Amino acid sequence: MSRDPNHWLRDGNGGYVGRTDPLDVDNLLSEAKQNKWNGLPSGTRIGHMHLQVSDLEESEKFYVEALGFDIVSKDTHMLFVSKDAYHHHIGMNTWSGKGLPKPPKNAIGLKYFTLQFTEEEYKNAKANLDHLGYTYREDNHEIAVEDLSGNNIKILLKD
């Protein structure tokens, strides 16, 4: 659960002040179960995520202009976007380099992520994807689209 937005710290430019705490690896491993990993339980929701992207300008065009996210924070190497005034739903960066190629289809890592949109957000995203010339598939009220960095996204209607 994210903290109450009224407690988020802001800097002088309206951006969010965050921090990174060191990972307690020993504690994490002590909590790991010996069971075989079968993925996250059905219904798991992730509050926000970070993506390596190859180009921030292209990512901004895709996530902001096409999908309708709002810019929360931006500099030369990162872009944070959100909906509904959240601190960020998606953080993108080029910390590993700009212009990196898409990962191969058989690469280990994120296969896709899912966004749940209202009917209005869904219709707007579809119209914007068309207008901006992005290729996508739509089947049974589900849009499947890939950003220019190779991140696969499924867009569903909120229940």
C-alpha atoms as a PDB file:
ATOM      1  CA  MET A   1       0.000   0.000   0.000  1.00  0.00           C
ATOM      2  CA  SER A   2       1.354   3.382  -0.933  1.00  0.00           C
ATOM      3  CA  ARG A   3       1.401   6.137   1.651  1.00  0.00           C
ATOM      4  CA  ASP A   4      -1.302   8.782   1.769  1.00  0.00           C
ATOM      5  CA  PRO A   5      -0.641  11.429  -0.940  1.00  0.00           C
ATOM      6  CA  ASN A   6      -0.972  14.139   1.726  1.00  0.00           C
ATOM      7  CA  HIS A   7       2.305  12.842   3.197  1.00  0.00           C
ATOM      8  CA  TRP A   8       4.307  12.826  -0.044  1.00  0.00           C
ATOM      9  CA  LEU A   9       7.213  15.254   0.088  1.00  0.00           C
ATOM     10  CA  ARG A  10       7.473  17.778  -2.755  1.00  0.00           C
ATOM     11  CA  ASP A  11      10.496  19.762  -3.892  1.00  0.00           C
ATOM     12  CA  GLY A  12      10.477  23.439  -4.863  1.00  0.00           C
ATOM     13  CA  ASN A  13       9.564  22.582  -8.471  1.00  0.00           C
ATOM     14  CA  GLY A  14       6.489  20.502  -7.606  1.00  0.00           C
ATOM     15  CA  GLY A  15       8.280  17.186  -8.093  1.00  0.00           C
ATOM     16  CA  TYR A  16       8.275  14.369  -5.589  1.00  0.00           C
ATOM     17  CA  VAL A  17      11.127  13.758  -3.182  1.00  0.00           C
ATOM     18  CA  GLY A  18      11.922  10.070  -2.999  1.00  0.00           C
ATOM     19  CA  ARG A  19      14.622   7.894  -1.610  1.00  0.00           C
ATOM     20  CA  THR A  20      16.147   4.525  -2.146  1.00  0.00           C
ATOM     21  CA  ASP A  21      16.867   2.378   0.881  1.00  0.00           C
ATOM     22  CA  PRO A  22      19.352  -0.488   0.729  1.00  0.00           C
ATOM     23  CA  LEU A  23      17.886  -3.955   0.265  1.00  0.00           C
ATOM     24  CA  ASP A  24      18.263  -6.227   3.289  1.00  0.00           C
ATOM     25  CA  VAL A  25      19.245  -9.306   1.270  1.00  0.00           C
ATOM     26  CA  ASP A  26      19.721 -11.566   4.304  1.00  0.00           C
ATOM     27  CA  ASN A  27      16.226 -10.767   5.599  1.00  0.00           C
ATOM     28  CA  LEU A  28      14.703 -11.185   2.137  1.00  0.00           C
ATOM     29  CA  LEU A  29      16.303 -14.588   1.662  1.00  0.00           C
ATOM     30  CA  SER A  30      15.237 -15.700   5.149  1.00  0.00           C
ATOM     31  CA  GLU A  31      11.621 -15.025   4.177  1.00  0.00           C
ATOM     32  CA  ALA A  32      11.859 -16.850   0.861  1.00  0.00           C
ATOM     33  CA  LYS A  33       9.956 -20.104   0.806  1.00  0.00           C
ATOM     34  CA  GLN A  34      11.480 -23.278  -0.554  1.00  0.00           C
ATOM     35  CA  ASN A  35       8.488 -23.806  -2.842  1.00  0.00           C
ATOM     36  CA  LYS A  36       8.870 -23.720  -6.595  1.00  0.00           C
ATOM     37  CA  TRP A  37       8.127 -20.275  -8.065  1.00  0.00           C
ATOM     38  CA  ASN A  38       4.935 -20.338 -10.115  1.00  0.00           C
ATOM     39  CA  GLY A  39       4.462 -16.629 -10.542  1.00  0.00           C
ATOM     40  CA  LEU A  40       2.509 -14.070  -8.575  1.00  0.00           C
ATOM     41  CA  PRO A  41      -0.910 -15.065  -7.248  1.00  0.00           C
ATOM     42  CA  SER A  42      -3.883 -14.271  -9.465  1.00  0.00           C
ATOM     43  CA  GLY A  43      -5.201 -10.793  -8.749  1.00  0.00           C
ATOM     44  CA  THR A  44      -1.842  -9.389  -7.615  1.00  0.00           C
ATOM     45  CA  ARG A  45      -1.661  -5.633  -8.185  1.00  0.00           C
ATOM     46  CA  ILE A  46       1.583  -3.704  -8.453  1.00  0.00           C
ATOM     47  CA  GLY A  47       1.393  -0.040  -7.465  1.00  0.00           C
ATOM     48  CA  HIS A  48       4.131   1.131  -9.797  1.00  0.00           C
ATOM     49  CA  MET A  49       6.946  -0.209 -11.912  1.00  0.00           C
ATOM     50  CA  HIS A  50      10.157   0.932 -13.573  1.00  0.00           C
ATOM     51  CA  LEU A  51      11.138   0.227 -17.168  1.00  0.00           C
ATOM     52  CA  GLN A  52      14.403   0.520 -19.062  1.00  0.00           C
ATOM     53  CA  VAL A  53      13.601   2.393 -22.263  1.00  0.00           C
ATOM     54  CA  SER A  54      15.752   3.249 -25.254  1.00  0.00           C
ATOM     55  CA  ASP A  55      14.480   6.809 -25.844  1.00  0.00           C
ATOM     56  CA  LEU A  56      12.694   9.078 -23.372  1.00  0.00           C
ATOM     57  CA  GLU A  57      11.186  11.376 -26.015  1.00  0.00           C
ATOM     58  CA  GLU A  58       9.614   8.420 -27.830  1.00  0.00           C
ATOM     59  CA  SER A  59       8.481   6.963 -24.515  1.00  0.00           C
ATOM     60  CA  GLU A  60       6.858  10.269 -23.585  1.00  0.00           C
ATOM     61  CA  LYS A  61       5.033  10.345 -26.907  1.00  0.00           C
ATOM     62  CA  PHE A  62       3.776   6.791 -26.373  1.00  0.00           C
ATOM     63  CA  TYR A  63       2.827   6.864 -22.687  1.00  0.00           C
ATOM     64  CA  VAL A  64       1.654  10.490 -22.467  1.00  0.00           C
ATOM     65  CA  GLU A  65       0.264  11.363 -25.911  1.00  0.00           C
ATOM     66  CA  ALA A  66      -1.038   7.920 -26.874  1.00  0.00           C
ATOM     67  CA  LEU A  67      -1.976   6.278 -23.557  1.00  0.00           C
ATOM     68  CA  GLY A  68      -2.946   9.440 -21.678  1.00  0.00           C
ATOM     69  CA  PHE A  69      -0.596   9.353 -18.700  1.00  0.00           C
ATOM     70  CA  ASP A  70       0.455  12.611 -17.013  1.00  0.00           C
ATOM     71  CA  ILE A  71       4.101  13.582 -16.515  1.00  0.00           C
ATOM     72  CA  VAL A  72       4.975  13.687 -12.834  1.00  0.00           C
ATOM     73  CA  SER A  73       8.740  14.101 -13.053  1.00  0.00           C
ATOM     74  CA  LYS A  74      11.225  14.321 -15.881  1.00  0.00           C
ATOM     75  CA  ASP A  75      14.908  14.938 -16.466  1.00  0.00           C
ATOM     76  CA  THR A  76      17.506  13.949 -19.052  1.00  0.00           C
ATOM     77  CA  HIS A  77      17.620  10.279 -17.977  1.00  0.00           C
ATOM     78  CA  MET A  78      14.210   9.511 -16.472  1.00  0.00           C
ATOM     79  CA  LEU A  79      10.486  10.057 -16.902  1.00  0.00           C
ATOM     80  CA  PHE A  80       7.792   9.272 -14.314  1.00  0.00           C
ATOM     81  CA  VAL A  81       4.158   9.175 -15.417  1.00  0.00           C
ATOM     82  CA  SER A  82       0.864   8.506 -13.684  1.00  0.00           C
ATOM     83  CA  LYS A  83      -2.892   8.755 -13.802  1.00  0.00           C
ATOM     84  CA  ASP A  84      -5.156  10.262 -11.166  1.00  0.00           C
ATOM     85  CA  ALA A  85      -2.394  12.386  -9.536  1.00  0.00           C
ATOM     86  CA  TYR A  86      -0.471   9.359  -8.202  1.00  0.00           C
ATOM     87  CA  HIS A  87       3.273   9.918  -7.551  1.00  0.00           C
ATOM     88  CA  HIS A  88       4.069   7.578 -10.453  1.00  0.00           C
ATOM     89  CA  HIS A  89       2.655   4.426 -11.944  1.00  0.00           C
ATOM     90  CA  ILE A  90       5.444   3.958 -14.471  1.00  0.00           C
ATOM     91  CA  GLY A  91       9.013   5.130 -14.074  1.00  0.00           C
ATOM     92  CA  MET A  92      11.163   4.989 -17.194  1.00  0.00           C
ATOM     93  CA  ASN A  93      14.891   5.525 -17.488  1.00  0.00           C
ATOM     94  CA  THR A  94      17.855   5.331 -19.812  1.00  0.00           C
ATOM     95  CA  TRP A  95      20.389   4.696 -17.037  1.00  0.00           C
ATOM     96  CA  SER A  96      21.783   1.665 -18.908  1.00  0.00           C
ATOM     97  CA  GLY A  97      22.133   3.700 -22.094  1.00  0.00           C
ATOM     98  CA  LYS A  98      20.158   5.379 -24.826  1.00  0.00           C
ATOM     99  CA  GLY A  99      19.216   3.701 -28.092  1.00  0.00           C
ATOM    100  CA  LEU A 100      19.493   0.169 -26.708  1.00  0.00           C
ATOM    101  CA  PRO A 101      17.937  -2.512 -28.931  1.00  0.00           C
ATOM    102  CA  LYS A 102      14.778  -4.340 -27.931  1.00  0.00           C
ATOM    103  CA  PRO A 103      15.481  -7.511 -25.973  1.00  0.00           C
ATOM    104  CA  PRO A 104      15.155 -10.752 -27.942  1.00  0.00           C
ATOM    105  CA  LYS A 105      11.764 -12.495 -27.660  1.00  0.00           C
ATOM    106  CA  ASN A 106      13.280 -15.322 -25.592  1.00  0.00           C
ATOM    107  CA  ALA A 107      15.028 -12.981 -23.102  1.00  0.00           C
ATOM    108  CA  ILE A 108      14.502 -13.447 -19.390  1.00  0.00           C
ATOM    109  CA  GLY A 109      12.459 -10.647 -17.868  1.00  0.00           C
ATOM    110  CA  LEU A 110       9.123  -8.928 -18.070  1.00  0.00           C
ATOM    111  CA  LYS A 111       6.923 -10.493 -20.753  1.00  0.00           C
ATOM    112  CA  TYR A 112       4.090  -7.944 -20.510  1.00  0.00           C
ATOM    113  CA  PHE A 113       2.211  -5.781 -18.049  1.00  0.00           C
ATOM    114  CA  THR A 114      -1.464  -4.939 -17.841  1.00  0.00           C
ATOM    115  CA  LEU A 115      -3.121  -1.532 -17.563  1.00  0.00           C
ATOM    116  CA  GLN A 116      -6.743  -1.231 -16.508  1.00  0.00           C
ATOM    117  CA  PHE A 117      -8.479   1.741 -18.101  1.00  0.00           C
ATOM    118  CA  THR A 118     -11.936   3.196 -17.761  1.00  0.00           C
ATOM    119  CA  GLU A 119     -14.073   2.987 -20.874  1.00  0.00           C
ATOM    120  CA  GLU A 120     -13.245   6.613 -21.715  1.00  0.00           C
ATOM    121  CA  GLU A 121      -9.487   6.068 -21.192  1.00  0.00           C
ATOM    122  CA  TYR A 122      -9.644   2.906 -23.325  1.00  0.00           C
ATOM    123  CA  LYS A 123     -11.445   4.685 -26.198  1.00  0.00           C
ATOM    124  CA  ASN A 124      -9.053   7.658 -25.997  1.00  0.00           C
ATOM    125  CA  ALA A 125      -5.991   5.406 -25.984  1.00  0.00           C
ATOM    126  CA  LYS A 126      -7.271   3.483 -29.010  1.00  0.00           C
ATOM    127  CA  ALA A 127      -7.984   6.717 -30.920  1.00  0.00           C
ATOM    128  CA  ASN A 128      -4.582   8.163 -29.968  1.00  0.00           C
ATOM    129  CA  LEU A 129      -2.733   4.990 -30.965  1.00  0.00           C
ATOM    130  CA  ASP A 130      -4.483   5.151 -34.355  1.00  0.00           C
ATOM    131  CA  HIS A 131      -3.837   8.879 -34.788  1.00  0.00           C
ATOM    132  CA  LEU A 132      -0.137   8.569 -33.900  1.00  0.00           C
ATOM    133  CA  GLY A 133       0.369   5.498 -36.125  1.00  0.00           C
ATOM    134  CA  TYR A 134       1.119   2.845 -33.506  1.00  0.00           C
ATOM    135  CA  THR A 135       0.413  -0.776 -34.372  1.00  0.00           C
ATOM    136  CA  TYR A 136      -1.724  -2.763 -31.948  1.00  0.00           C
ATOM    137  CA  ARG A 137      -4.123  -5.698 -31.821  1.00  0.00           C
ATOM    138  CA  GLU A 138      -7.568  -5.535 -30.308  1.00  0.00           C
ATOM    139  CA  ASP A 139      -9.539  -8.605 -29.322  1.00  0.00           C
ATOM    140  CA  ASN A 140     -12.554  -8.802 -27.026  1.00  0.00           C
ATOM    141  CA  HIS A 141     -12.000  -5.361 -25.442  1.00  0.00           C
ATOM    142  CA  GLU A 142      -8.278  -5.960 -24.920  1.00  0.00           C
ATOM    143  CA  ILE A 143      -5.585  -3.945 -26.666  1.00  0.00           C
ATOM    144  CA  ALA A 144      -2.149  -5.548 -27.042  1.00  0.00           C
ATOM    145  CA  VAL A 145       0.567  -3.047 -27.938  1.00  0.00           C
ATOM    146  CA  GLU A 146       4.352  -2.850 -27.741  1.00  0.00           C
ATOM    147  CA  ASP A 147       6.200   0.363 -26.927  1.00  0.00           C
ATOM    148  CA  LEU A 148       9.262   1.267 -28.986  1.00  0.00           C
ATOM    149  CA  SER A 149      11.585  -0.264 -26.374  1.00  0.00           C
ATOM    150  CA  GLY A 150       9.938  -3.678 -26.658  1.00  0.00           C
ATOM    151  CA  ASN A 151       7.765  -3.536 -23.530  1.00  0.00           C
ATOM    152  CA  ASN A 152       4.511  -5.395 -24.193  1.00  0.00           C
ATOM    153  CA  ILE A 153       1.333  -3.965 -22.724  1.00  0.00           C
ATOM    154  CA  LYS A 154      -2.210  -5.282 -22.418  1.00  0.00           C
ATOM    155  CA  ILE A 155      -4.864  -2.630 -21.919  1.00  0.00           C
ATOM    156  CA  LEU A 156      -8.106  -3.885 -20.365  1.00  0.00           C
ATOM    157  CA  LEU A 157     -11.362  -2.236 -19.389  1.00  0.00           C
ATOM    158  CA  LYS A 158     -11.732  -1.791 -15.614  1.00  0.00           C
ATOM    159  CA  ASP A 159     -14.448  -3.945 -14.125  1.00  0.00           C
END
